[in-house]
Structure formats: C-alpha cells, structure tokens
Amino acid sequence: MTVQSNQFSEKIPEIKFTKLFINGEFVDSLSGKRFESVDPRTEEVITHIAEGDKEDIDLAVKAAREAFDLGPWPRLPGRVS
C-alpha cells in the first residue's frame, strides 16, 4: 500500500527579480507601488514585486523604440534558410 501526502517538501526558490526591466536595467516603479506574489499552495506572501503604471510602460516603450531605431536590429539581414 502506498501512502501519498499532499504536503510539498520543496522550498520555494528565492525570487531574484522583483523590479521592472527597462532600458537594460532593473528599476523600481516610478510610483514606488508594489504588489504581493503569493504561494498558491500555502497562501504565504513570497515577495513583493514592482507594479508598473502607465508612466513606467511609456518609459519601457520609449526605450524599446530607441533600441530598435538606433540599434543594429533594423539593419541585420533576414534569416536565410
């Protein structure tokens, strides 16, 4: 007879990235807002993560646009099979 347990013995790994990634850097949100990330198994708060608002999204889009326009991507040749 096999006994199964619903309890997980695995420890949740450390969450390393809790900031926004904008323009090649991990940054806090401009508003400073954060939200909780919760382990669904235990309902414990694992960490707090930066909450991006419109202003953060605008900065990210601007950085991506500049990286595309000024970076090498538009000038790279298409994939040749």
PDB file of N, CA and C in Angstrom:
ATOM      1  N   MET A   1       0.837  -1.178   0.000  1.00  0.00           N
ATOM      2  CA  MET A   1       0.000   0.000   0.000  1.00  0.00           C
ATOM      3  C   MET A   1       0.885   1.245   0.000  1.00  0.00           C
ATOM      4  N   THR A   2       0.549   2.191  -0.861  1.00  0.00           N
ATOM      5  CA  THR A   2       1.313   3.428  -0.976  1.00  0.00           C
ATOM      6  C   THR A   2       0.531   4.560  -0.338  1.00  0.00           C
ATOM      7  N   VAL A   3       1.232   5.324   0.481  1.00  0.00           N
ATOM      8  CA  VAL A   3       0.615   6.481   1.124  1.00  0.00           C
ATOM      9  C   VAL A   3       1.144   7.728   0.433  1.00  0.00           C
ATOM     10  N   GLN A   4       0.245   8.581   0.017  1.00  0.00           N
ATOM     11  CA  GLN A   4       0.648   9.825  -0.624  1.00  0.00           C
ATOM     12  C   GLN A   4       0.304  10.996   0.275  1.00  0.00           C
ATOM     13  N   SER A   5       1.154  11.974   0.230  1.00  0.00           N
ATOM     14  CA  SER A   5       0.931  13.172   1.030  1.00  0.00           C
ATOM     15  C   SER A   5       0.703  14.357   0.102  1.00  0.00           C
ATOM     16  N   ASN A   6      -0.188  15.221   0.495  1.00  0.00           N
ATOM     17  CA  ASN A   6      -0.430  16.441  -0.271  1.00  0.00           C
ATOM     18  C   ASN A   6       0.530  17.559   0.124  1.00  0.00           C
ATOM     19  N   GLN A   7       1.356  17.299   1.133  1.00  0.00           N
ATOM     20  CA  GLN A   7       2.308  18.306   1.582  1.00  0.00           C
ATOM     21  C   GLN A   7       3.538  18.280   0.688  1.00  0.00           C
ATOM     22  N   PHE A   8       3.949  19.444   0.220  1.00  0.00           N
ATOM     23  CA  PHE A   8       5.150  19.551  -0.587  1.00  0.00           C
ATOM     24  C   PHE A   8       6.314  19.871   0.334  1.00  0.00           C
ATOM     25  N   SER A   9       7.395  19.183   0.142  1.00  0.00           N
ATOM     26  CA  SER A   9       8.565  19.444   0.974  1.00  0.00           C
ATOM     27  C   SER A   9       9.533  20.400   0.288  1.00  0.00           C
ATOM     28  N   GLU A  10       9.261  20.713  -0.976  1.00  0.00           N
ATOM     29  CA  GLU A  10      10.159  21.605  -1.694  1.00  0.00           C
ATOM     30  C   GLU A  10      10.053  23.023  -1.154  1.00  0.00           C
ATOM     31  N   LYS A  11      11.212  23.619  -0.971  1.00  0.00           N
ATOM     32  CA  LYS A  11      11.251  25.017  -0.551  1.00  0.00           C
ATOM     33  C   LYS A  11      11.147  25.883  -1.804  1.00  0.00           C
ATOM     34  N   ILE A  12      10.416  26.950  -1.712  1.00  0.00           N
ATOM     35  CA  ILE A  12      10.266  27.861  -2.843  1.00  0.00           C
ATOM     36  C   ILE A  12      11.603  28.550  -3.080  1.00  0.00           C
ATOM     37  N   PRO A  13      12.087  28.556  -4.321  1.00  0.00           N
ATOM     38  CA  PRO A  13      13.371  29.214  -4.587  1.00  0.00           C
ATOM     39  C   PRO A  13      13.282  30.718  -4.351  1.00  0.00           C
ATOM     40  N   GLU A  14      14.424  31.293  -4.042  1.00  0.00           N
ATOM     41  CA  GLU A  14      14.485  32.737  -3.833  1.00  0.00           C
ATOM     42  C   GLU A  14      14.099  33.459  -5.128  1.00  0.00           C
ATOM     43  N   ILE A  15      13.262  34.458  -5.009  1.00  0.00           N
ATOM     44  CA  ILE A  15      12.859  35.269  -6.153  1.00  0.00           C
ATOM     45  C   ILE A  15      13.891  36.383  -6.298  1.00  0.00           C
ATOM     46  N   LYS A  16      14.632  36.368  -7.396  1.00  0.00           N
ATOM     47  CA  LYS A  16      15.721  37.330  -7.565  1.00  0.00           C
ATOM     48  C   LYS A  16      15.283  38.611  -8.262  1.00  0.00           C
ATOM     49  N   PHE A  17      14.324  38.504  -9.152  1.00  0.00           N
ATOM     50  CA  PHE A  17      13.969  39.657  -9.976  1.00  0.00           C
ATOM     51  C   PHE A  17      12.593  40.171  -9.580  1.00  0.00           C
ATOM     52  N   THR A  18      12.577  41.277  -8.861  1.00  0.00           N
ATOM     53  CA  THR A  18      11.321  41.837  -8.382  1.00  0.00           C
ATOM     54  C   THR A  18      11.107  43.267  -8.882  1.00  0.00           C
ATOM     55  N   LYS A  19      11.999  43.717  -9.736  1.00  0.00           N
ATOM     56  CA  LYS A  19      11.889  45.075 -10.270  1.00  0.00           C
ATOM     57  C   LYS A  19      11.466  45.012 -11.731  1.00  0.00           C
ATOM     58  N   LEU A  20      11.183  46.162 -12.298  1.00  0.00           N
ATOM     59  CA  LEU A  20      10.863  46.268 -13.717  1.00  0.00           C
ATOM     60  C   LEU A  20      12.167  46.282 -14.510  1.00  0.00           C
ATOM     61  N   PHE A  21      12.164  45.698 -15.691  1.00  0.00           N
ATOM     62  CA  PHE A  21      13.354  45.716 -16.548  1.00  0.00           C
ATOM     63  C   PHE A  21      13.099  46.696 -17.678  1.00  0.00           C
ATOM     64  N   ILE A  22      13.720  47.871 -17.568  1.00  0.00           N
ATOM     65  CA  ILE A  22      13.515  48.946 -18.541  1.00  0.00           C
ATOM     66  C   ILE A  22      14.874  49.483 -18.970  1.00  0.00           C
ATOM     67  N   ASN A  23      15.063  49.561 -20.277  1.00  0.00           N
ATOM     68  CA  ASN A  23      16.283  50.135 -20.848  1.00  0.00           C
ATOM     69  C   ASN A  23      17.539  49.421 -20.346  1.00  0.00           C
ATOM     70  N   GLY A  24      17.463  48.101 -20.235  1.00  0.00           N
ATOM     71  CA  GLY A  24      18.623  47.305 -19.845  1.00  0.00           C
ATOM     72  C   GLY A  24      18.944  47.307 -18.370  1.00  0.00           C
ATOM     73  N   GLU A  25      18.033  47.823 -17.543  1.00  0.00           N
ATOM     74  CA  GLU A  25      18.284  47.891 -16.103  1.00  0.00           C
ATOM     75  C   GLU A  25      17.057  47.432 -15.324  1.00  0.00           C
ATOM     76  N   PHE A  26      17.307  46.865 -14.151  1.00  0.00           N
ATOM     77  CA  PHE A  26      16.220  46.559 -13.233  1.00  0.00           C
ATOM     78  C   PHE A  26      15.982  47.800 -12.382  1.00  0.00           C
ATOM     79  N   VAL A  27      14.754  48.311 -12.414  1.00  0.00           N
ATOM     80  CA  VAL A  27      14.426  49.556 -11.719  1.00  0.00           C
ATOM     81  C   VAL A  27      13.121  49.396 -10.939  1.00  0.00           C
ATOM     82  N   ASP A  28      12.987  50.208  -9.890  1.00  0.00           N
ATOM     83  CA  ASP A  28      11.716  50.266  -9.170  1.00  0.00           C
ATOM     84  C   ASP A  28      10.707  51.020 -10.025  1.00  0.00           C
ATOM     85  N   SER A  29       9.439  50.815  -9.753  1.00  0.00           N
ATOM     86  CA  SER A  29       8.414  51.574 -10.470  1.00  0.00           C
ATOM     87  C   SER A  29       8.509  53.039 -10.052  1.00  0.00           C
ATOM     88  N   LEU A  30       8.131  53.926 -10.950  1.00  0.00           N
ATOM     89  CA  LEU A  30       8.190  55.354 -10.642  1.00  0.00           C
ATOM     90  C   LEU A  30       7.304  55.709  -9.459  1.00  0.00           C
ATOM     91  N   SER A  31       6.172  55.033  -9.350  1.00  0.00           N
ATOM     92  CA  SER A  31       5.234  55.325  -8.262  1.00  0.00           C
ATOM     93  C   SER A  31       5.683  54.712  -6.942  1.00  0.00           C
ATOM     94  N   GLY A  32       6.590  53.745  -7.020  1.00  0.00           N
ATOM     95  CA  GLY A  32       7.003  53.034  -5.813  1.00  0.00           C
ATOM     96  C   GLY A  32       6.034  51.941  -5.403  1.00  0.00           C
ATOM     97  N   LYS A  33       4.949  51.772  -6.176  1.00  0.00           N
ATOM     98  CA  LYS A  33       3.958  50.746  -5.840  1.00  0.00           C
ATOM     99  C   LYS A  33       4.541  49.360  -6.035  1.00  0.00           C
ATOM    100  N   ARG A  34       4.082  48.435  -5.199  1.00  0.00           N
ATOM    101  CA  ARG A  34       4.486  47.036  -5.284  1.00  0.00           C
ATOM    102  C   ARG A  34       3.252  46.176  -5.038  1.00  0.00           C
ATOM    103  N   PHE A  35       3.291  44.939  -5.524  1.00  0.00           N
ATOM    104  CA  PHE A  35       2.203  44.013  -5.228  1.00  0.00           C
ATOM    105  C   PHE A  35       2.786  42.718  -4.689  1.00  0.00           C
ATOM    106  N   GLU A  36       1.958  41.982  -3.967  1.00  0.00           N
ATOM    107  CA  GLU A  36       2.397  40.734  -3.351  1.00  0.00           C
ATOM    108  C   GLU A  36       2.342  39.589  -4.347  1.00  0.00           C
ATOM    109  N   SER A  37       3.346  38.737  -4.291  1.00  0.00           N
ATOM    110  CA  SER A  37       3.311  37.467  -5.010  1.00  0.00           C
ATOM    111  C   SER A  37       3.074  36.397  -3.949  1.00  0.00           C
ATOM    112  N   VAL A  38       2.007  35.620  -4.130  1.00  0.00           N
ATOM    113  CA  VAL A  38       1.563  34.681  -3.099  1.00  0.00           C
ATOM    114  C   VAL A  38       1.737  33.246  -3.579  1.00  0.00           C
ATOM    115  N   ASP A  39       2.260  32.403  -2.706  1.00  0.00           N
ATOM    116  CA  ASP A  39       2.376  30.971  -2.985  1.00  0.00           C
ATOM    117  C   ASP A  39       0.974  30.373  -2.928  1.00  0.00           C
ATOM    118  N   PRO A  40       0.462  29.844  -4.034  1.00  0.00           N
ATOM    119  CA  PRO A  40      -0.904  29.318  -4.031  1.00  0.00           C
ATOM    120  C   PRO A  40      -1.071  28.071  -3.164  1.00  0.00           C
ATOM    121  N   ARG A  41       0.027  27.388  -2.867  1.00  0.00           N
ATOM    122  CA  ARG A  41      -0.076  26.188  -2.022  1.00  0.00           C
ATOM    123  C   ARG A  41      -0.318  26.541  -0.570  1.00  0.00           C
ATOM    124  N   THR A  42       0.354  27.606  -0.112  1.00  0.00           N
ATOM    125  CA  THR A  42       0.313  27.940   1.308  1.00  0.00           C
ATOM    126  C   THR A  42      -0.372  29.265   1.595  1.00  0.00           C
ATOM    127  N   GLU A  43      -0.622  30.038   0.543  1.00  0.00           N
ATOM    128  CA  GLU A  43      -1.174  31.387   0.655  1.00  0.00           C
ATOM    129  C   GLU A  43      -0.249  32.341   1.407  1.00  0.00           C
ATOM    130  N   GLU A  44       1.033  31.991   1.471  1.00  0.00           N
ATOM    131  CA  GLU A  44       2.020  32.868   2.090  1.00  0.00           C
ATOM    132  C   GLU A  44       2.551  33.847   1.049  1.00  0.00           C
ATOM    133  N   VAL A  45       2.862  35.055   1.500  1.00  0.00           N
ATOM    134  CA  VAL A  45       3.478  36.039   0.614  1.00  0.00           C
ATOM    135  C   VAL A  45       4.922  35.608   0.375  1.00  0.00           C
ATOM    136  N   ILE A  46       5.292  35.465  -0.908  1.00  0.00           N
ATOM    137  CA  ILE A  46       6.645  35.061  -1.272  1.00  0.00           C
ATOM    138  C   ILE A  46       7.554  36.280  -1.347  1.00  0.00           C
ATOM    139  N   THR A  47       7.072  37.314  -2.031  1.00  0.00           N
ATOM    140  CA  THR A  47       7.859  38.531  -2.209  1.00  0.00           C
ATOM    141  C   THR A  47       6.934  39.653  -2.655  1.00  0.00           C
ATOM    142  N   HIS A  48       7.482  40.826  -2.791  1.00  0.00           N
ATOM    143  CA  HIS A  48       6.759  41.981  -3.324  1.00  0.00           C
ATOM    144  C   HIS A  48       7.430  42.382  -4.631  1.00  0.00           C
ATOM    145  N   ILE A  49       6.634  42.677  -5.643  1.00  0.00           N
ATOM    146  CA  ILE A  49       7.132  42.944  -6.987  1.00  0.00           C
ATOM    147  C   ILE A  49       6.713  44.348  -7.415  1.00  0.00           C
ATOM    148  N   ALA A  50       7.628  45.040  -8.098  1.00  0.00           N
ATOM    149  CA  ALA A  50       7.335  46.394  -8.581  1.00  0.00           C
ATOM    150  C   ALA A  50       6.122  46.367  -9.503  1.00  0.00           C
ATOM    151  N   GLU A  51       5.218  47.297  -9.274  1.00  0.00           N
ATOM    152  CA  GLU A  51       3.984  47.394 -10.069  1.00  0.00           C
ATOM    153  C   GLU A  51       4.110  48.550 -11.054  1.00  0.00           C
ATOM    154  N   GLY A  52       4.208  48.215 -12.327  1.00  0.00           N
ATOM    155  CA  GLY A  52       4.353  49.243 -13.352  1.00  0.00           C
ATOM    156  C   GLY A  52       3.041  49.942 -13.656  1.00  0.00           C
ATOM    157  N   ASP A  53       3.110  51.248 -13.760  1.00  0.00           N
ATOM    158  CA  ASP A  53       1.962  52.067 -14.142  1.00  0.00           C
ATOM    159  C   ASP A  53       2.164  52.571 -15.573  1.00  0.00           C
ATOM    160  N   LYS A  54       1.252  53.414 -16.021  1.00  0.00           N
ATOM    161  CA  LYS A  54       1.328  53.980 -17.372  1.00  0.00           C
ATOM    162  C   LYS A  54       2.675  54.653 -17.621  1.00  0.00           C
ATOM    163  N   GLU A  55       3.169  55.386 -16.639  1.00  0.00           N
ATOM    164  CA  GLU A  55       4.438  56.101 -16.808  1.00  0.00           C
ATOM    165  C   GLU A  55       5.593  55.127 -17.021  1.00  0.00           C
ATOM    166  N   ASP A  56       5.591  54.013 -16.280  1.00  0.00           N
ATOM    167  CA  ASP A  56       6.637  53.002 -16.443  1.00  0.00           C
ATOM    168  C   ASP A  56       6.545  52.354 -17.825  1.00  0.00           C
ATOM    169  N   ILE A  57       5.332  52.083 -18.255  1.00  0.00           N
ATOM    170  CA  ILE A  57       5.129  51.469 -19.571  1.00  0.00           C
ATOM    171  C   ILE A  57       5.580  52.424 -20.668  1.00  0.00           C
ATOM    172  N   ASP A  58       5.261  53.702 -20.522  1.00  0.00           N
ATOM    173  CA  ASP A  58       5.698  54.689 -21.512  1.00  0.00           C
ATOM    174  C   ASP A  58       7.226  54.727 -21.611  1.00  0.00           C
ATOM    175  N   LEU A  59       7.914  54.672 -20.456  1.00  0.00           N
ATOM    176  CA  LEU A  59       9.379  54.654 -20.467  1.00  0.00           C
ATOM    177  C   LEU A  59       9.914  53.397 -21.145  1.00  0.00           C
ATOM    178  N   ALA A  60       9.295  52.257 -20.857  1.00  0.00           N
ATOM    179  CA  ALA A  60       9.735  50.994 -21.453  1.00  0.00           C
ATOM    180  C   ALA A  60       9.533  51.000 -22.967  1.00  0.00           C
ATOM    181  N   VAL A  61       8.397  51.503 -23.415  1.00  0.00           N
ATOM    182  CA  VAL A  61       8.125  51.566 -24.856  1.00  0.00           C
ATOM    183  C   VAL A  61       9.106  52.523 -25.535  1.00  0.00           C
ATOM    184  N   LYS A  62       9.374  53.658 -24.907  1.00  0.00           N
ATOM    185  CA  LYS A  62      10.331  54.626 -25.464  1.00  0.00           C
ATOM    186  C   LYS A  62      11.721  53.996 -25.575  1.00  0.00           C
ATOM    187  N   ALA A  63      12.148  53.296 -24.525  1.00  0.00           N
ATOM    188  CA  ALA A  63      13.465  52.650 -24.547  1.00  0.00           C
ATOM    189  C   ALA A  63      13.531  51.577 -25.626  1.00  0.00           C
ATOM    190  N   ALA A  64      12.469  50.801 -25.772  1.00  0.00           N
ATOM    191  CA  ALA A  64      12.438  49.752 -26.798  1.00  0.00           C
ATOM    192  C   ALA A  64      12.464  50.358 -28.196  1.00  0.00           C
ATOM    193  N   ARG A  65      11.722  51.434 -28.387  1.00  0.00           N
ATOM    194  CA  ARG A  65      11.690  52.096 -29.689  1.00  0.00           C
ATOM    195  C   ARG A  65      13.077  52.630 -30.050  1.00  0.00           C
ATOM    196  N   GLU A  66      13.735  53.277 -29.080  1.00  0.00           N
ATOM    197  CA  GLU A  66      15.080  53.808 -29.323  1.00  0.00           C
ATOM    198  C   GLU A  66      16.073  52.684 -29.592  1.00  0.00           C
ATOM    199  N   ALA A  67      15.971  51.595 -28.851  1.00  0.00           N
ATOM    200  CA  ALA A  67      16.868  50.454 -29.069  1.00  0.00           C
ATOM    201  C   ALA A  67      16.677  49.892 -30.467  1.00  0.00           C
ATOM    202  N   PHE A  68      15.453  49.852 -30.923  1.00  0.00           N
ATOM    203  CA  PHE A  68      15.190  49.343 -32.269  1.00  0.00           C
ATOM    204  C   PHE A  68      15.679  50.323 -33.330  1.00  0.00           C
ATOM    205  N   ASP A  69      15.324  51.587 -33.165  1.00  0.00           N
ATOM    206  CA  ASP A  69      15.675  52.590 -34.179  1.00  0.00           C
ATOM    207  C   ASP A  69      17.179  52.844 -34.256  1.00  0.00           C
ATOM    208  N   LEU A  70      17.843  52.860 -33.110  1.00  0.00           N
ATOM    209  CA  LEU A  70      19.261  53.224 -33.073  1.00  0.00           C
ATOM    210  C   LEU A  70      20.182  52.013 -32.965  1.00  0.00           C
ATOM    211  N   GLY A  71      19.627  50.865 -32.687  1.00  0.00           N
ATOM    212  CA  GLY A  71      20.432  49.656 -32.538  1.00  0.00           C
ATOM    213  C   GLY A  71      20.656  48.953 -33.865  1.00  0.00           C
ATOM    214  N   PRO A  72      21.308  47.800 -33.831  1.00  0.00           N
ATOM    215  CA  PRO A  72      21.650  47.093 -35.071  1.00  0.00           C
ATOM    216  C   PRO A  72      20.496  46.305 -35.692  1.00  0.00           C
ATOM    217  N   TRP A  73      19.430  46.046 -34.970  1.00  0.00           N
ATOM    218  CA  TRP A  73      18.383  45.138 -35.447  1.00  0.00           C
ATOM    219  C   TRP A  73      17.788  45.489 -36.805  1.00  0.00           C
ATOM    220  N   PRO A  74      17.432  46.743 -37.059  1.00  0.00           N
ATOM    221  CA  PRO A  74      16.797  47.023 -38.353  1.00  0.00           C
ATOM    222  C   PRO A  74      17.734  46.813 -39.544  1.00  0.00           C
ATOM    223  N   ARG A  75      19.028  46.809 -39.293  1.00  0.00           N
ATOM    224  CA  ARG A  75      19.989  46.677 -40.383  1.00  0.00           C
ATOM    225  C   ARG A  75      20.517  45.251 -40.554  1.00  0.00           C
ATOM    226  N   LEU A  76      20.088  44.341 -39.708  1.00  0.00           N
ATOM    227  CA  LEU A  76      20.533  42.951 -39.830  1.00  0.00           C
ATOM    228  C   LEU A  76      19.827  42.287 -41.005  1.00  0.00           C
ATOM    229  N   PRO A  77      20.536  41.393 -41.691  1.00  0.00           N
ATOM    230  CA  PRO A  77      19.888  40.688 -42.801  1.00  0.00           C
ATOM    231  C   PRO A  77      18.844  39.716 -42.271  1.00  0.00           C
ATOM    232  N   GLY A  78      17.850  39.449 -43.082  1.00  0.00           N
ATOM    233  CA  GLY A  78      16.835  38.472 -42.702  1.00  0.00           C
ATOM    234  C   GLY A  78      17.441  37.080 -42.642  1.00  0.00           C
ATOM    235  N   ARG A  79      16.763  36.184 -42.006  1.00  0.00           N
ATOM    236  CA  ARG A  79      17.245  34.809 -41.887  1.00  0.00           C
ATOM    237  C   ARG A  79      17.194  34.129 -43.255  1.00  0.00           C
ATOM    238  N   VAL A  80      18.287  33.474 -43.589  1.00  0.00           N
ATOM    239  CA  VAL A  80      18.370  32.744 -44.851  1.00  0.00           C
ATOM    240  C   VAL A  80      18.423  31.262 -44.527  1.00  0.00           C
ATOM    241  N   SER A  81      17.512  30.498 -45.101  1.00  0.00           N
ATOM    242  CA  SER A  81      17.483  29.057 -44.825  1.00  0.00           C
ATOM    243  C   SER A  81      18.317  28.305 -45.820  1.00  0.00           C
TER     244      SER A  81
END
